[in-house]
Amino acid sequence: MLGFLAFLLSLAVYLMVKVCVSKLVGKIMSGKELLKIVLATNIAESSITIDDVVYVIDCGKAKETSYDALNKLACLLPSWISKASAHQRRGRAGRVQPGVCYRLYPKVIHDAMPQFQLPEILRTPLQELCLTIKSLQLGAVASFLAKSLQPPDPLSVKNAIELLKTIGALDDLEELTYLGRHLCTLPLDPNIGKMLLIGSVFQCLDPALTIAAALAYRNPFVLPIDRKEEADAVKRSFAGDSCSDHIALLKAFEAWKEAKRSGRERSFCWENFLSPMTLKMMDDMRNQFFDLLSDIGFVSKTRGVKAYNHYGKDLEMVSAVLCAGLYPNVIQCKRRGKRTAFYTKDVGKVDIHPSSVNAGVQQFPLPYLVYSEKVKTASIYVRDSTNISDYALLLFGGSLSPSNTGEGIEMLAGYLHFSAPKRIIELIQC
């Protein structure tokens, strides 16, 4: 019993998140007299190697992102792995000595597994691919993709084309617009690319670079399970009264830069539940994005970012640029008694993700939210949202059309309706 207690007292637990795996593997796996228990996701199939693993316990499942073409959303749900993945997992045991793999599923399940994981073209949105096809002048997108070795769902192709038309990258004949030609030169999701272009045009480039880097890479906030309430409070303090996850990460990044200049980077990240590796990557990506904008003539590298940031501290302008980039990801906030319900065009009612600063907000000052993505897990959640005004949506969103009733104007095929005096409507449509 005393020996067992001594073992417990000497137990060390390491959290190997993706950004620090390479640094920790060597530290954790040194010490030949230690018993090592590694709990890993499918990252352990190939991305990390631990030579002296003897036993592997394989549950046969992994959380995999797929694309629901019908509801136009990403799904992150547990699913059975492929036989190739099962083989990789088995291969983690016995690399330098005899090993054993225990599979927690019957042979009939293994035999029914697909040979390989679905190719990416069948499980992700296709906007970037469609833009590339148009830029290479390969003809109609749908007919070209139909010739693929494993053609994607025609509905997925249709959704991608519709989105590119909605954001102004393609015209009604599916030809590239001026905006579309610029987006083709940016190796980014078209919405993120549009945010950068609009940010540079409207002298709000610095915030656009930061937010685009976070959206293209990952959110810098970390949420320890045992300190979740503290982490949520810190994130809300960065957001202030903006009702915006994007403003929160923007303010956190700016504060990190200031702490870095004064030599307090490490303590700042620890106290504010931020990943220093993610912030550094975002900083590098900002520079890369600025170089890309310089290459296509939107900015001058010699003048620097500050020359295109006259309105960078104006949070209303930042929200407007966000609206331009995230459109048509728009939520209507509707009061239902003492609570607010949230509705999108494609799937109807959604929930705000618990990690958002807007989770639990009873009443918003403005009637709409724009969001980065919606994901289906236990429920349909929207991540990283920002509260925006009618005017931001009207001026920086998509095309407007007269209402069927002859009163007011509409967006997104009637999903959004705006009423105003005729002179105001005419002014907005100009």
Protein backbone atom coordinates (compact mmCIF):
# COMPACT_ATOMS: atom_id res chain seq x y z
CA MET A 1 0.00 0.00 0.00
CA LEU A 2 2.82 2.40 0.88
CA GLY A 3 4.47 1.62 -2.45
CA PHE A 4 1.25 2.42 -4.29
CA LEU A 5 0.91 5.73 -2.42
CA ALA A 6 4.50 6.57 -3.28
CA PHE A 7 3.67 5.90 -6.94
CA LEU A 8 0.68 8.26 -6.75
CA LEU A 9 2.75 10.99 -5.12
CA SER A 10 5.34 10.77 -7.90
CA LEU A 11 2.76 10.82 -10.69
CA ALA A 12 3.33 13.65 -13.18
CA VAL A 13 0.68 14.72 -15.68
CA TYR A 14 1.61 16.58 -18.87
CA LEU A 15 -0.86 18.22 -21.23
CA MET A 16 0.41 17.73 -24.76
CA VAL A 17 -1.67 20.09 -26.85
CA LYS A 18 -0.88 20.37 -30.54
CA VAL A 19 1.23 23.51 -30.24
CA CYS A 20 3.73 22.02 -27.80
CA VAL A 21 3.90 18.29 -28.63
CA SER A 22 7.36 18.40 -30.18
CA LYS A 23 8.89 20.09 -27.14
CA LEU A 24 7.24 17.86 -24.55
CA VAL A 25 7.65 14.42 -26.12
CA GLY A 26 11.37 14.28 -25.38
CA LYS A 27 10.92 15.49 -21.80
CA ILE A 28 8.05 13.16 -21.00
CA MET A 29 9.54 10.06 -22.57
CA SER A 30 12.98 10.38 -20.95
CA GLY A 31 13.52 8.37 -17.78
CA LYS A 32 13.56 4.65 -18.43
CA GLU A 33 12.28 3.61 -15.00
CA LEU A 34 8.99 5.49 -15.35
CA LEU A 35 5.60 4.05 -16.23
CA LYS A 36 4.16 6.24 -18.98
CA ILE A 37 0.46 6.34 -19.79
CA VAL A 38 -0.31 8.39 -22.91
CA LEU A 39 -3.89 9.44 -23.65
CA ALA A 40 -3.94 10.61 -27.25
CA THR A 41 -6.27 11.51 -30.08
CA ASN A 42 -5.56 10.31 -33.61
CA ILE A 43 -2.58 12.68 -33.67
CA ALA A 44 -0.65 9.70 -32.25
CA GLU A 45 -1.24 7.66 -35.42
CA SER A 46 1.57 9.41 -37.28
CA SER A 47 2.39 12.91 -36.02
CA ILE A 48 4.26 11.86 -32.87
CA THR A 49 6.44 8.85 -32.16
CA ILE A 50 7.09 7.37 -28.71
CA ASP A 51 9.61 4.59 -29.20
CA ASP A 52 9.13 2.54 -26.04
CA VAL A 53 5.35 2.11 -26.15
CA VAL A 54 4.51 -1.52 -25.36
CA TYR A 55 0.70 -1.53 -25.18
CA VAL A 56 -1.81 0.31 -27.36
CA ILE A 57 -5.52 0.40 -26.50
CA ASP A 58 -7.53 1.37 -29.59
CA CYS A 59 -11.16 2.49 -29.17
CA GLY A 60 -11.64 2.46 -32.95
CA LYS A 61 -13.09 5.93 -33.13
CA ALA A 62 -11.99 9.49 -33.89
CA LYS A 63 -13.64 12.88 -34.03
CA GLU A 64 -13.69 13.80 -37.69
CA THR A 65 -14.86 16.91 -39.48
CA SER A 66 -17.32 16.29 -42.27
CA TYR A 67 -19.48 18.60 -44.35
CA ASP A 68 -23.27 18.47 -44.24
CA ALA A 69 -24.18 19.80 -47.69
CA LEU A 70 -27.91 19.86 -46.94
CA ASN A 71 -27.55 22.19 -43.94
CA LYS A 72 -24.30 23.84 -45.11
CA LEU A 73 -22.41 23.21 -41.90
CA ALA A 74 -19.36 21.39 -40.60
CA CYS A 75 -19.98 18.39 -38.36
CA LEU A 76 -17.46 17.34 -35.73
CA LEU A 77 -18.71 13.98 -34.52
CA PRO A 78 -17.16 10.67 -33.37
CA SER A 79 -16.99 8.13 -36.19
CA TRP A 80 -15.37 4.78 -36.85
CA ILE A 81 -11.84 5.00 -38.20
CA SER A 82 -10.57 3.34 -41.38
CA LYS A 83 -8.63 0.10 -41.56
CA ALA A 84 -5.55 2.11 -42.51
CA SER A 85 -5.87 4.16 -39.31
CA ALA A 86 -6.38 1.00 -37.25
CA HIS A 87 -3.19 -0.40 -38.77
CA GLN A 88 -1.32 2.81 -37.91
CA ARG A 89 -2.55 2.65 -34.32
CA ARG A 90 -1.45 -0.97 -34.01
CA GLY A 91 1.97 0.04 -35.34
CA ARG A 92 2.53 2.42 -32.43
CA ALA A 93 3.19 -0.61 -30.17
CA GLY A 94 6.36 -2.65 -30.30
CA ARG A 95 8.62 -0.31 -32.22
CA VAL A 96 11.77 -1.22 -30.24
CA GLN A 97 10.51 -4.25 -28.31
CA PRO A 98 7.58 -6.71 -28.49
CA GLY A 99 4.21 -4.98 -28.09
CA VAL A 100 0.48 -5.66 -28.01
CA CYS A 101 -2.51 -3.75 -29.42
CA TYR A 102 -5.90 -4.22 -27.72
CA ARG A 103 -8.85 -3.21 -29.88
CA LEU A 104 -12.02 -2.35 -27.99
CA TYR A 105 -14.34 -3.39 -30.81
CA PRO A 106 -15.28 -6.73 -32.40
CA LYS A 107 -13.74 -8.09 -35.59
CA VAL A 108 -17.02 -7.59 -37.44
CA ILE A 109 -16.70 -3.83 -36.88
CA HIS A 110 -13.10 -3.88 -38.11
CA ASP A 111 -14.08 -5.82 -41.23
CA ALA A 112 -16.82 -3.28 -41.98
CA MET A 113 -14.47 -0.28 -41.71
CA PRO A 114 -13.59 1.53 -44.97
CA GLN A 115 -10.13 0.80 -46.28
CA PHE A 116 -9.09 4.47 -46.10
CA GLN A 117 -10.41 7.76 -44.75
CA LEU A 118 -12.67 9.71 -47.09
CA PRO A 119 -10.63 12.09 -49.28
CA GLU A 120 -10.81 15.74 -48.30
CA ILE A 121 -12.74 16.71 -51.43
CA LEU A 122 -15.69 14.65 -50.13
CA ARG A 123 -15.80 16.05 -46.60
CA THR A 124 -14.93 19.76 -46.73
CA PRO A 125 -16.45 22.92 -48.26
CA LEU A 126 -15.23 23.55 -51.81
CA GLN A 127 -15.08 27.35 -52.14
CA GLU A 128 -11.30 27.62 -52.47
CA LEU A 129 -11.17 24.76 -54.96
CA CYS A 130 -13.92 26.32 -57.07
CA LEU A 131 -12.04 29.64 -57.19
CA THR A 132 -8.88 27.83 -58.29
CA ILE A 133 -10.76 26.06 -61.08
CA LYS A 134 -12.14 29.37 -62.33
CA SER A 135 -8.74 31.09 -62.13
CA LEU A 136 -7.19 28.29 -64.25
CA GLN A 137 -9.98 28.69 -66.83
CA LEU A 138 -10.91 25.02 -66.69
CA GLY A 139 -14.53 25.58 -67.66
CA ALA A 140 -17.68 25.14 -65.63
CA VAL A 141 -16.89 24.13 -62.06
CA ALA A 142 -19.56 21.44 -61.73
CA SER A 143 -18.64 19.66 -64.97
CA PHE A 144 -14.91 19.78 -64.17
CA LEU A 145 -15.35 18.33 -60.67
CA ALA A 146 -17.68 15.64 -62.02
CA LYS A 147 -14.62 14.21 -63.81
CA SER A 148 -12.72 13.75 -60.53
CA LEU A 149 -11.61 10.28 -59.47
CA GLN A 150 -14.06 10.58 -56.58
CA PRO A 151 -16.48 13.36 -57.53
CA PRO A 152 -17.87 15.46 -54.67
CA ASP A 153 -21.57 15.66 -53.92
CA PRO A 154 -23.18 17.94 -56.56
CA LEU A 155 -24.99 19.72 -53.71
CA SER A 156 -21.62 20.57 -52.11
CA VAL A 157 -20.46 22.04 -55.42
CA LYS A 158 -23.71 23.99 -55.79
CA ASN A 159 -23.35 25.37 -52.25
CA ALA A 160 -19.79 26.51 -52.92
CA ILE A 161 -20.78 28.30 -56.13
CA GLU A 162 -23.75 29.96 -54.42
CA LEU A 163 -21.53 31.21 -51.60
CA LEU A 164 -18.98 32.64 -54.04
CA LYS A 165 -21.81 34.46 -55.82
CA THR A 166 -23.18 35.74 -52.50
CA ILE A 167 -19.85 37.26 -51.42
CA GLY A 168 -19.34 38.78 -54.89
CA ALA A 169 -16.51 36.54 -56.12
CA LEU A 170 -18.55 35.11 -59.02
CA ASP A 171 -21.21 36.76 -61.16
CA ASP A 172 -24.51 35.21 -62.24
CA LEU A 173 -22.76 33.45 -65.15
CA GLU A 174 -20.24 31.90 -62.73
CA GLU A 175 -17.42 34.06 -64.08
CA LEU A 176 -14.85 35.70 -61.82
CA THR A 177 -15.58 39.26 -60.74
CA TYR A 178 -12.84 41.80 -59.96
CA LEU A 179 -13.11 40.75 -56.32
CA GLY A 180 -12.93 37.09 -57.32
CA ARG A 181 -9.73 37.66 -59.31
CA HIS A 182 -8.08 39.21 -56.26
CA LEU A 183 -9.31 36.41 -53.99
CA CYS A 184 -7.77 33.84 -56.35
CA THR A 185 -4.33 35.29 -55.60
CA LEU A 186 -4.75 34.84 -51.84
CA PRO A 187 -4.21 31.24 -50.59
CA LEU A 188 -6.97 31.68 -48.03
CA ASP A 189 -10.61 30.89 -47.42
CA PRO A 190 -12.47 33.41 -49.65
CA ASN A 191 -14.27 35.00 -46.68
CA ILE A 192 -11.00 35.60 -44.85
CA GLY A 193 -9.41 36.95 -48.01
CA LYS A 194 -12.30 39.36 -48.51
CA MET A 195 -11.92 40.58 -44.91
CA LEU A 196 -8.27 41.45 -45.59
CA LEU A 197 -9.10 43.29 -48.81
CA ILE A 198 -11.92 45.29 -47.21
CA GLY A 199 -9.73 46.03 -44.17
CA SER A 200 -7.02 47.52 -46.36
CA VAL A 201 -9.47 49.57 -48.44
CA PHE A 202 -11.21 51.03 -45.39
CA GLN A 203 -8.03 51.83 -43.46
CA CYS A 204 -8.70 49.18 -40.81
CA LEU A 205 -5.95 46.77 -41.76
CA ASP A 206 -4.24 45.98 -38.45
CA PRO A 207 -7.37 44.48 -36.79
CA ALA A 208 -8.24 42.66 -40.03
CA LEU A 209 -4.78 41.05 -40.12
CA THR A 210 -5.06 39.87 -36.51
CA ILE A 211 -8.59 38.48 -36.78
CA ALA A 212 -7.86 36.86 -40.16
CA ALA A 213 -4.78 35.15 -38.68
CA ALA A 214 -6.84 33.74 -35.80
CA LEU A 215 -9.58 32.52 -38.15
CA ALA A 216 -7.09 30.94 -40.54
CA TYR A 217 -5.10 29.27 -37.74
CA ARG A 218 -6.78 28.95 -34.35
CA ASN A 219 -8.17 30.92 -31.42
CA PRO A 220 -5.39 31.90 -28.96
CA PHE A 221 -7.55 31.40 -25.85
CA VAL A 222 -7.20 28.16 -23.89
CA LEU A 223 -9.85 26.82 -21.51
CA PRO A 224 -8.45 24.57 -18.75
CA ILE A 225 -11.18 22.25 -17.51
CA ASP A 226 -10.45 23.01 -13.86
CA ARG A 227 -10.32 26.81 -14.36
CA LYS A 228 -12.97 27.33 -17.01
CA GLU A 229 -14.85 30.06 -15.12
CA GLU A 230 -11.66 32.06 -14.59
CA ALA A 231 -10.73 31.70 -18.26
CA ASP A 232 -14.22 32.77 -19.36
CA ALA A 233 -14.04 35.85 -17.12
CA VAL A 234 -10.68 36.86 -18.60
CA LYS A 235 -11.98 36.49 -22.15
CA ARG A 236 -15.05 38.58 -21.32
CA SER A 237 -12.82 41.28 -19.83
CA PHE A 238 -11.00 41.57 -23.16
CA ALA A 239 -14.32 41.78 -25.01
CA GLY A 240 -15.65 44.55 -22.74
CA ASP A 241 -19.14 45.59 -23.82
CA SER A 242 -18.53 44.78 -27.50
CA CYS A 243 -20.42 41.44 -27.43
CA SER A 244 -17.70 40.13 -29.74
CA ASP A 245 -15.36 37.14 -29.60
CA HIS A 246 -13.37 38.69 -32.43
CA ILE A 247 -12.82 41.93 -30.50
CA ALA A 248 -11.79 39.85 -27.47
CA LEU A 249 -9.05 38.05 -29.40
CA LEU A 250 -8.01 41.35 -31.03
CA LYS A 251 -7.62 43.06 -27.66
CA ALA A 252 -5.83 40.03 -26.23
CA PHE A 253 -3.35 40.04 -29.11
CA GLU A 254 -2.68 43.76 -28.73
CA ALA A 255 -2.14 43.34 -24.98
CA TRP A 256 0.23 40.43 -25.65
CA LYS A 257 2.29 42.58 -28.02
CA GLU A 258 2.57 45.23 -25.31
CA ALA A 259 3.56 42.63 -22.70
CA LYS A 260 6.13 41.21 -25.11
CA ARG A 261 7.74 44.62 -25.54
CA SER A 262 8.10 44.95 -21.77
CA GLY A 263 9.43 41.40 -21.28
CA ARG A 264 6.28 40.07 -19.56
CA GLU A 265 5.13 37.75 -22.33
CA ARG A 266 5.29 34.48 -20.40
CA SER A 267 3.51 35.68 -17.26
CA PHE A 268 0.93 37.57 -19.32
CA CYS A 269 -0.05 34.44 -21.26
CA TRP A 270 -0.24 32.37 -18.07
CA GLU A 271 -2.42 34.90 -16.25
CA ASN A 272 -4.74 35.45 -19.22
CA PHE A 273 -5.17 31.85 -20.43
CA LEU A 274 -3.49 32.46 -23.78
CA SER A 275 -1.31 30.16 -25.85
CA PRO A 276 2.05 31.87 -26.54
CA MET A 277 2.75 29.52 -29.45
CA THR A 278 -0.57 30.42 -31.09
CA LEU A 279 0.03 34.14 -30.61
CA LYS A 280 3.49 33.87 -32.17
CA MET A 281 2.07 31.96 -35.11
CA MET A 282 -0.62 34.62 -35.54
CA ASP A 283 2.07 37.32 -35.53
CA ASP A 284 3.98 35.49 -38.27
CA MET A 285 0.80 34.99 -40.30
CA ARG A 286 -0.03 38.70 -40.05
CA ASN A 287 3.29 39.46 -41.73
CA GLN A 288 2.63 36.87 -44.42
CA PHE A 289 -0.83 38.30 -45.10
CA PHE A 290 0.60 41.81 -45.38
CA ASP A 291 3.18 40.55 -47.88
CA LEU A 292 0.40 38.91 -49.91
CA LEU A 293 -1.57 42.17 -50.00
CA SER A 294 1.60 43.97 -51.08
CA ASP A 295 2.21 41.46 -53.87
CA ILE A 296 -1.23 42.16 -55.40
CA GLY A 297 -0.90 45.94 -55.04
CA PHE A 298 -3.36 46.63 -52.24
CA VAL A 299 -0.70 47.98 -49.87
CA SER A 300 2.87 49.23 -50.06
CA LYS A 301 5.33 47.21 -47.99
CA THR A 302 7.60 50.23 -47.54
CA ARG A 303 4.80 52.24 -45.89
CA GLY A 304 3.97 49.50 -43.38
CA VAL A 305 0.71 48.48 -41.71
CA LYS A 306 0.22 51.78 -39.86
CA ALA A 307 -0.32 53.62 -43.13
CA TYR A 308 -3.49 51.57 -43.68
CA ASN A 309 -4.85 51.68 -40.16
CA HIS A 310 -6.41 55.13 -39.73
CA TYR A 311 -9.64 53.58 -38.37
CA GLY A 312 -8.05 50.61 -36.63
CA LYS A 313 -9.15 51.77 -33.17
CA ASP A 314 -12.75 52.40 -34.26
CA LEU A 315 -14.57 49.27 -33.08
CA GLU A 316 -17.65 50.07 -35.17
CA MET A 317 -15.47 50.08 -38.28
CA VAL A 318 -13.80 46.86 -37.14
CA SER A 319 -17.25 45.28 -36.77
CA ALA A 320 -18.21 46.51 -40.25
CA VAL A 321 -15.09 44.94 -41.77
CA LEU A 322 -15.93 41.73 -39.90
CA CYS A 323 -19.40 41.86 -41.39
CA ALA A 324 -17.94 42.20 -44.89
CA GLY A 325 -15.68 39.22 -44.34
CA LEU A 326 -18.06 36.87 -42.53
CA TYR A 327 -21.20 37.56 -44.60
CA PRO A 328 -23.47 35.61 -45.27
CA ASN A 329 -22.91 34.06 -41.82
CA VAL A 330 -25.63 36.19 -40.24
CA ILE A 331 -27.80 35.45 -37.21
CA GLN A 332 -31.04 37.18 -36.32
CA CYS A 333 -31.38 37.81 -32.58
CA LYS A 334 -35.05 37.50 -31.62
CA ARG A 335 -36.44 38.12 -28.16
CA ARG A 336 -38.43 35.22 -26.71
CA GLY A 337 -39.68 36.40 -23.34
CA LYS A 338 -36.66 37.06 -21.14
CA ARG A 339 -34.29 35.19 -23.45
CA THR A 340 -32.90 35.71 -26.92
CA ALA A 341 -33.25 33.05 -29.62
CA PHE A 342 -30.84 32.83 -32.54
CA TYR A 343 -31.76 31.95 -36.13
CA THR A 344 -29.73 31.41 -39.31
CA LYS A 345 -30.96 31.18 -42.88
CA ASP A 346 -29.93 27.58 -43.54
CA VAL A 347 -30.65 25.61 -40.37
CA GLY A 348 -33.02 27.80 -38.39
CA LYS A 349 -32.48 27.91 -34.63
CA VAL A 350 -28.90 27.60 -33.37
CA ASP A 351 -27.08 28.00 -30.06
CA ILE A 352 -24.11 30.14 -29.13
CA HIS A 353 -21.11 27.97 -28.28
CA PRO A 354 -20.43 27.84 -24.51
CA SER A 355 -16.88 29.16 -25.03
CA SER A 356 -18.19 32.38 -26.61
CA VAL A 357 -18.37 35.68 -24.73
CA ASN A 358 -21.94 35.87 -26.05
CA ALA A 359 -23.02 32.63 -24.38
CA GLY A 360 -25.65 33.43 -21.78
CA VAL A 361 -26.18 37.03 -22.89
CA GLN A 362 -29.87 37.73 -22.35
CA GLN A 363 -30.25 40.82 -24.53
CA PHE A 364 -28.01 42.25 -27.23
CA PRO A 365 -27.75 45.97 -27.98
CA LEU A 366 -27.86 45.33 -31.75
CA PRO A 367 -30.19 43.03 -33.72
CA TYR A 368 -27.72 40.83 -35.61
CA LEU A 369 -24.65 38.65 -35.11
CA VAL A 370 -22.07 37.57 -37.64
CA TYR A 371 -20.13 34.40 -36.89
CA SER A 372 -17.05 32.51 -38.06
CA GLU A 373 -18.54 29.04 -38.39
CA LYS A 374 -21.34 26.81 -37.26
CA VAL A 375 -20.57 23.29 -36.11
CA LYS A 376 -22.80 20.34 -35.37
CA THR A 377 -21.80 18.36 -32.27
CA ALA A 378 -24.45 17.56 -29.65
CA SER A 379 -26.31 20.61 -30.96
CA ILE A 380 -25.73 23.13 -33.75
CA TYR A 381 -23.42 25.80 -32.35
CA VAL A 382 -21.99 29.00 -33.79
CA ARG A 383 -18.43 29.87 -32.80
CA ASP A 384 -16.83 33.30 -32.48
CA SER A 385 -19.66 35.76 -33.02
CA THR A 386 -19.88 39.57 -33.12
CA ASN A 387 -22.93 41.75 -32.54
CA ILE A 388 -23.49 44.14 -35.48
CA SER A 389 -25.94 46.86 -36.47
CA ASP A 390 -28.42 47.10 -39.33
CA TYR A 391 -26.26 49.70 -41.06
CA ALA A 392 -23.13 47.53 -40.95
CA LEU A 393 -25.11 44.74 -42.57
CA LEU A 394 -26.72 46.99 -45.19
CA LEU A 395 -23.50 48.76 -46.17
CA PHE A 396 -20.97 45.93 -45.84
CA GLY A 397 -23.07 42.82 -46.42
CA GLY A 398 -24.27 41.47 -49.74
CA SER A 399 -26.49 42.69 -52.55
CA LEU A 400 -29.86 44.30 -51.83
CA SER A 401 -33.12 43.80 -53.68
CA PRO A 402 -36.56 45.43 -53.42
CA SER A 403 -39.02 43.63 -51.15
CA ASN A 404 -41.74 41.57 -52.82
CA THR A 405 -44.31 43.73 -51.04
CA GLY A 406 -42.78 46.88 -52.50
CA GLU A 407 -41.95 48.17 -49.03
CA GLY A 408 -38.34 48.10 -47.93
CA ILE A 409 -35.43 46.00 -49.13
CA GLU A 410 -34.25 42.42 -48.66
CA MET A 411 -31.03 40.45 -48.39
CA LEU A 412 -30.27 36.75 -48.78
CA ALA A 413 -33.35 36.00 -50.88
CA GLY A 414 -35.75 37.55 -48.38
CA TYR A 415 -34.25 36.06 -45.23
CA LEU A 416 -33.44 39.58 -44.01
CA HIS A 417 -35.95 42.38 -44.47
CA PHE A 418 -35.40 46.08 -43.77
CA SER A 419 -38.02 48.80 -43.68
CA ALA A 420 -37.16 52.49 -43.92
CA PRO A 421 -38.35 55.71 -45.56
CA LYS A 422 -37.88 55.70 -49.33
CA ARG A 423 -35.14 58.35 -49.28
CA ILE A 424 -33.08 56.29 -46.80
CA ILE A 425 -33.45 53.15 -48.91
CA GLU A 426 -32.39 55.04 -52.04
CA LEU A 427 -29.37 56.42 -50.18
CA ILE A 428 -28.30 52.96 -49.02
CA GLN A 429 -28.75 51.43 -52.46
CA CYS A 430 -26.51 54.08 -53.98
